[in-house]
Amino acid sequence: MPDFLTAEELDTVAKAKAKPEPAMESDVLVIGAGPTGLACAIESAEIGLTVIILDKGCLVNSLFHYPANMSFFTTPDCSRSATSVYHAQQKPTREEALEYYRKVAEHYHLDLRQYEWVKTVMGTDGGFAITATDRAGRPHDYRTKK
């Protein structure tokens, strides 16, 4: 057996090194990327904590499944920053709300892991172990303090 790698093997190794694995440890892990989960993640990040958000679906998955022309009973001043898109009417539509939350997630550079189902949460305050599976059924193990 030769002691060297083929060009193809070298290419595979180079690609693996070029694409770092996402962090699997954080100060806070939020389960659910809905409005409340996003608010918790943003508040945690703003005080300097590292945050990972897991959701079994897409960003604000519950809103995504609402009827297309549904209006929400919220006010335009609910925005956290200049990312508000609620300018056309008093009550935002589903589409406007989805766009708003996308902009919020982008604005705050949230570490959002979509389509990962949380299977187990074990541990105690200061040391939690979370296992999730992605759409392909691959397991992902996370460690977090909160």
C-alpha atoms as a PDB file:
ATOM      1  CA  MET A   1       0.000   0.000   0.000  1.00  0.00           C
ATOM      2  CA  PRO A   2       1.517   3.389  -1.009  1.00  0.00           C
ATOM      3  CA  ASP A   3       2.334   6.039   1.613  1.00  0.00           C
ATOM      4  CA  PHE A   4       0.957   8.891  -0.475  1.00  0.00           C
ATOM      5  CA  LEU A   5      -2.456  10.270  -1.435  1.00  0.00           C
ATOM      6  CA  THR A   6      -3.749  10.378  -4.967  1.00  0.00           C
ATOM      7  CA  ALA A   7      -4.656  13.726  -6.549  1.00  0.00           C
ATOM      8  CA  GLU A   8      -8.334  12.930  -5.972  1.00  0.00           C
ATOM      9  CA  GLU A   9      -7.734  12.130  -2.294  1.00  0.00           C
ATOM     10  CA  LEU A  10      -5.716  15.340  -1.874  1.00  0.00           C
ATOM     11  CA  ASP A  11      -8.567  17.327  -3.438  1.00  0.00           C
ATOM     12  CA  THR A  12     -11.073  15.721  -1.048  1.00  0.00           C
ATOM     13  CA  VAL A  13      -8.880  16.538   1.967  1.00  0.00           C
ATOM     14  CA  ALA A  14      -8.396  20.141   0.779  1.00  0.00           C
ATOM     15  CA  LYS A  15     -12.150  20.638   0.331  1.00  0.00           C
ATOM     16  CA  ALA A  16     -12.845  19.202   3.781  1.00  0.00           C
ATOM     17  CA  LYS A  17     -10.331  21.591   5.347  1.00  0.00           C
ATOM     18  CA  ALA A  18     -11.609  24.586   3.389  1.00  0.00           C
ATOM     19  CA  LYS A  19     -15.159  24.177   4.671  1.00  0.00           C
ATOM     20  CA  PRO A  20     -15.064  24.334   8.465  1.00  0.00           C
ATOM     21  CA  GLU A  21     -17.679  22.475  10.437  1.00  0.00           C
ATOM     22  CA  PRO A  22     -20.246  24.717  12.112  1.00  0.00           C
ATOM     23  CA  ALA A  23     -19.736  25.257  15.822  1.00  0.00           C
ATOM     24  CA  MET A  24     -21.524  22.679  17.924  1.00  0.00           C
ATOM     25  CA  GLU A  25     -21.003  24.435  21.256  1.00  0.00           C
ATOM     26  CA  SER A  26     -22.595  27.616  22.516  1.00  0.00           C
ATOM     27  CA  ASP A  27     -23.531  29.539  25.622  1.00  0.00           C
ATOM     28  CA  VAL A  28     -27.218  29.357  24.665  1.00  0.00           C
ATOM     29  CA  LEU A  29     -29.100  26.984  22.384  1.00  0.00           C
ATOM     30  CA  VAL A  30     -32.604  28.072  21.420  1.00  0.00           C
ATOM     31  CA  ILE A  31     -35.055  25.440  20.246  1.00  0.00           C
ATOM     32  CA  GLY A  32     -37.467  27.034  17.821  1.00  0.00           C
ATOM     33  CA  ALA A  33     -36.896  29.879  15.346  1.00  0.00           C
ATOM     34  CA  GLY A  34     -40.273  31.510  15.836  1.00  0.00           C
ATOM     35  CA  PRO A  35     -40.748  35.100  17.024  1.00  0.00           C
ATOM     36  CA  THR A  36     -40.105  34.220  20.680  1.00  0.00           C
ATOM     37  CA  GLY A  37     -37.071  32.067  19.903  1.00  0.00           C
ATOM     38  CA  LEU A  38     -35.599  34.809  17.739  1.00  0.00           C
ATOM     39  CA  ALA A  39     -36.181  37.399  20.467  1.00  0.00           C
ATOM     40  CA  CYS A  40     -34.431  35.157  23.042  1.00  0.00           C
ATOM     41  CA  ALA A  41     -31.510  34.580  20.674  1.00  0.00           C
ATOM     42  CA  ILE A  42     -31.125  38.281  19.910  1.00  0.00           C
ATOM     43  CA  GLU A  43     -31.241  39.304  23.579  1.00  0.00           C
ATOM     44  CA  SER A  44     -28.647  36.635  24.441  1.00  0.00           C
ATOM     45  CA  ALA A  45     -26.351  37.675  21.586  1.00  0.00           C
ATOM     46  CA  GLU A  46     -26.638  41.338  22.543  1.00  0.00           C
ATOM     47  CA  ILE A  47     -25.138  40.620  25.967  1.00  0.00           C
ATOM     48  CA  GLY A  48     -22.226  38.769  24.370  1.00  0.00           C
ATOM     49  CA  LEU A  49     -23.331  35.148  24.547  1.00  0.00           C
ATOM     50  CA  THR A  50     -22.806  32.720  21.675  1.00  0.00           C
ATOM     51  CA  VAL A  51     -26.139  31.415  20.409  1.00  0.00           C
ATOM     52  CA  ILE A  52     -27.296  28.595  18.157  1.00  0.00           C
ATOM     53  CA  ILE A  53     -30.936  28.332  17.053  1.00  0.00           C
ATOM     54  CA  LEU A  54     -32.420  25.002  15.959  1.00  0.00           C
ATOM     55  CA  ASP A  55     -35.754  24.605  14.194  1.00  0.00           C
ATOM     56  CA  LYS A  56     -37.462  21.538  12.763  1.00  0.00           C
ATOM     57  CA  GLY A  57     -38.595  23.639   9.818  1.00  0.00           C
ATOM     58  CA  CYS A  58     -37.763  26.966   8.244  1.00  0.00           C
ATOM     59  CA  LEU A  59     -37.401  30.333   9.924  1.00  0.00           C
ATOM     60  CA  VAL A  60     -40.721  31.177  11.645  1.00  0.00           C
ATOM     61  CA  ASN A  61     -42.070  27.841  10.430  1.00  0.00           C
ATOM     62  CA  SER A  62     -45.484  28.317  12.037  1.00  0.00           C
ATOM     63  CA  LEU A  63     -46.017  31.619  10.190  1.00  0.00           C
ATOM     64  CA  PHE A  64     -44.845  30.021   6.954  1.00  0.00           C
ATOM     65  CA  HIS A  65     -47.779  27.595   7.159  1.00  0.00           C
ATOM     66  CA  TYR A  66     -50.426  30.270   7.764  1.00  0.00           C
ATOM     67  CA  PRO A  67     -52.818  31.115   4.909  1.00  0.00           C
ATOM     68  CA  ALA A  68     -51.084  33.215   2.221  1.00  0.00           C
ATOM     69  CA  ASN A  69     -53.205  36.361   2.588  1.00  0.00           C
ATOM     70  CA  MET A  70     -53.615  36.285   6.341  1.00  0.00           C
ATOM     71  CA  SER A  71     -53.084  39.576   8.184  1.00  0.00           C
ATOM     72  CA  PHE A  72     -51.533  39.638  11.633  1.00  0.00           C
ATOM     73  CA  PHE A  73     -52.891  41.551  14.566  1.00  0.00           C
ATOM     74  CA  THR A  74     -49.681  43.265  15.505  1.00  0.00           C
ATOM     75  CA  THR A  75     -48.522  46.814  15.103  1.00  0.00           C
ATOM     76  CA  PRO A  76     -45.740  48.278  12.947  1.00  0.00           C
ATOM     77  CA  ASP A  77     -43.841  49.379  16.030  1.00  0.00           C
ATOM     78  CA  CYS A  78     -43.121  45.764  17.015  1.00  0.00           C
ATOM     79  CA  SER A  79     -39.853  45.879  15.067  1.00  0.00           C
ATOM     80  CA  ARG A  80     -36.576  45.624  16.954  1.00  0.00           C
ATOM     81  CA  SER A  81     -34.550  47.617  14.459  1.00  0.00           C
ATOM     82  CA  ALA A  82     -34.565  49.479  11.183  1.00  0.00           C
ATOM     83  CA  THR A  83     -35.322  46.175   9.433  1.00  0.00           C
ATOM     84  CA  SER A  84     -39.064  46.725   9.636  1.00  0.00           C
ATOM     85  CA  VAL A  85     -41.011  46.120   6.439  1.00  0.00           C
ATOM     86  CA  TYR A  86     -44.373  47.015   7.913  1.00  0.00           C
ATOM     87  CA  HIS A  87     -44.940  50.183   5.967  1.00  0.00           C
ATOM     88  CA  ALA A  88     -47.666  49.324   3.470  1.00  0.00           C
ATOM     89  CA  GLN A  89     -50.463  48.803   5.931  1.00  0.00           C
ATOM     90  CA  GLN A  90     -51.193  48.780   9.643  1.00  0.00           C
ATOM     91  CA  LYS A  91     -51.521  44.986   9.898  1.00  0.00           C
ATOM     92  CA  PRO A  92     -48.766  43.020   8.121  1.00  0.00           C
ATOM     93  CA  THR A  93     -49.616  40.152   5.795  1.00  0.00           C
ATOM     94  CA  ARG A  94     -48.047  36.720   6.123  1.00  0.00           C
ATOM     95  CA  GLU A  95     -45.637  37.573   3.297  1.00  0.00           C
ATOM     96  CA  GLU A  96     -44.581  40.843   4.956  1.00  0.00           C
ATOM     97  CA  ALA A  97     -44.103  39.115   8.303  1.00  0.00           C
ATOM     98  CA  LEU A  98     -41.945  36.368   6.744  1.00  0.00           C
ATOM     99  CA  GLU A  99     -39.800  38.964   4.982  1.00  0.00           C
ATOM    100  CA  TYR A 100     -39.464  40.933   8.226  1.00  0.00           C
ATOM    101  CA  TYR A 101     -38.219  37.905  10.180  1.00  0.00           C
ATOM    102  CA  ARG A 102     -35.787  36.989   7.391  1.00  0.00           C
ATOM    103  CA  LYS A 103     -34.359  40.495   7.580  1.00  0.00           C
ATOM    104  CA  VAL A 104     -34.144  40.338  11.376  1.00  0.00           C
ATOM    105  CA  ALA A 105     -32.239  37.033  11.227  1.00  0.00           C
ATOM    106  CA  GLU A 106     -29.887  38.470   8.613  1.00  0.00           C
ATOM    107  CA  HIS A 107     -29.450  41.792  10.442  1.00  0.00           C
ATOM    108  CA  TYR A 108     -28.417  40.073  13.682  1.00  0.00           C
ATOM    109  CA  HIS A 109     -26.301  37.403  11.921  1.00  0.00           C
ATOM    110  CA  LEU A 110     -28.125  34.660  13.796  1.00  0.00           C
ATOM    111  CA  ASP A 111     -26.650  31.144  13.706  1.00  0.00           C
ATOM    112  CA  LEU A 112     -29.822  29.469  12.537  1.00  0.00           C
ATOM    113  CA  ARG A 113     -29.858  25.716  11.846  1.00  0.00           C
ATOM    114  CA  GLN A 114     -33.049  25.013   9.903  1.00  0.00           C
ATOM    115  CA  TYR A 115     -34.623  21.599   9.376  1.00  0.00           C
ATOM    116  CA  GLU A 116     -33.011  19.999  12.415  1.00  0.00           C
ATOM    117  CA  TRP A 117     -35.338  18.058  14.687  1.00  0.00           C
ATOM    118  CA  VAL A 118     -34.359  18.065  18.356  1.00  0.00           C
ATOM    119  CA  LYS A 119     -34.498  14.473  19.585  1.00  0.00           C
ATOM    120  CA  THR A 120     -33.042  14.679  23.083  1.00  0.00           C
ATOM    121  CA  VAL A 121     -32.175  17.314  25.657  1.00  0.00           C
ATOM    122  CA  MET A 122     -30.178  16.048  28.608  1.00  0.00           C
ATOM    123  CA  GLY A 123     -28.243  17.675  31.411  1.00  0.00           C
ATOM    124  CA  THR A 124     -28.692  20.456  33.883  1.00  0.00           C
ATOM    125  CA  ASP A 125     -28.176  24.199  34.013  1.00  0.00           C
ATOM    126  CA  GLY A 126     -24.665  24.960  32.854  1.00  0.00           C
ATOM    127  CA  GLY A 127     -24.195  21.716  30.933  1.00  0.00           C
ATOM    128  CA  PHE A 128     -26.739  20.512  28.408  1.00  0.00           C
ATOM    129  CA  ALA A 129     -26.320  17.941  25.653  1.00  0.00           C
ATOM    130  CA  ILE A 130     -28.761  18.168  22.742  1.00  0.00           C
ATOM    131  CA  THR A 131     -29.081  15.710  19.881  1.00  0.00           C
ATOM    132  CA  ALA A 132     -30.842  16.711  16.669  1.00  0.00           C
ATOM    133  CA  THR A 133     -31.213  15.086  13.275  1.00  0.00           C
ATOM    134  CA  ASP A 134     -31.195  16.867   9.942  1.00  0.00           C
ATOM    135  CA  ARG A 135     -33.358  16.186   6.874  1.00  0.00           C
ATOM    136  CA  ALA A 136     -31.019  13.403   5.772  1.00  0.00           C
ATOM    137  CA  GLY A 137     -31.319  11.702   9.162  1.00  0.00           C
ATOM    138  CA  ARG A 138     -27.742  12.561  10.196  1.00  0.00           C
ATOM    139  CA  PRO A 139     -27.323  13.172  13.933  1.00  0.00           C
ATOM    140  CA  HIS A 140     -25.846  16.411  15.287  1.00  0.00           C
ATOM    141  CA  ASP A 141     -24.691  16.699  18.882  1.00  0.00           C
ATOM    142  CA  TYR A 142     -24.641  20.082  20.595  1.00  0.00           C
ATOM    143  CA  ARG A 143     -23.299  21.253  23.956  1.00  0.00           C
ATOM    144  CA  THR A 144     -24.577  24.380  25.652  1.00  0.00           C
ATOM    145  CA  LYS A 145     -24.753  26.071  29.026  1.00  0.00           C
ATOM    146  CA  LYS A 146     -28.323  27.322  28.755  1.00  0.00           C
END
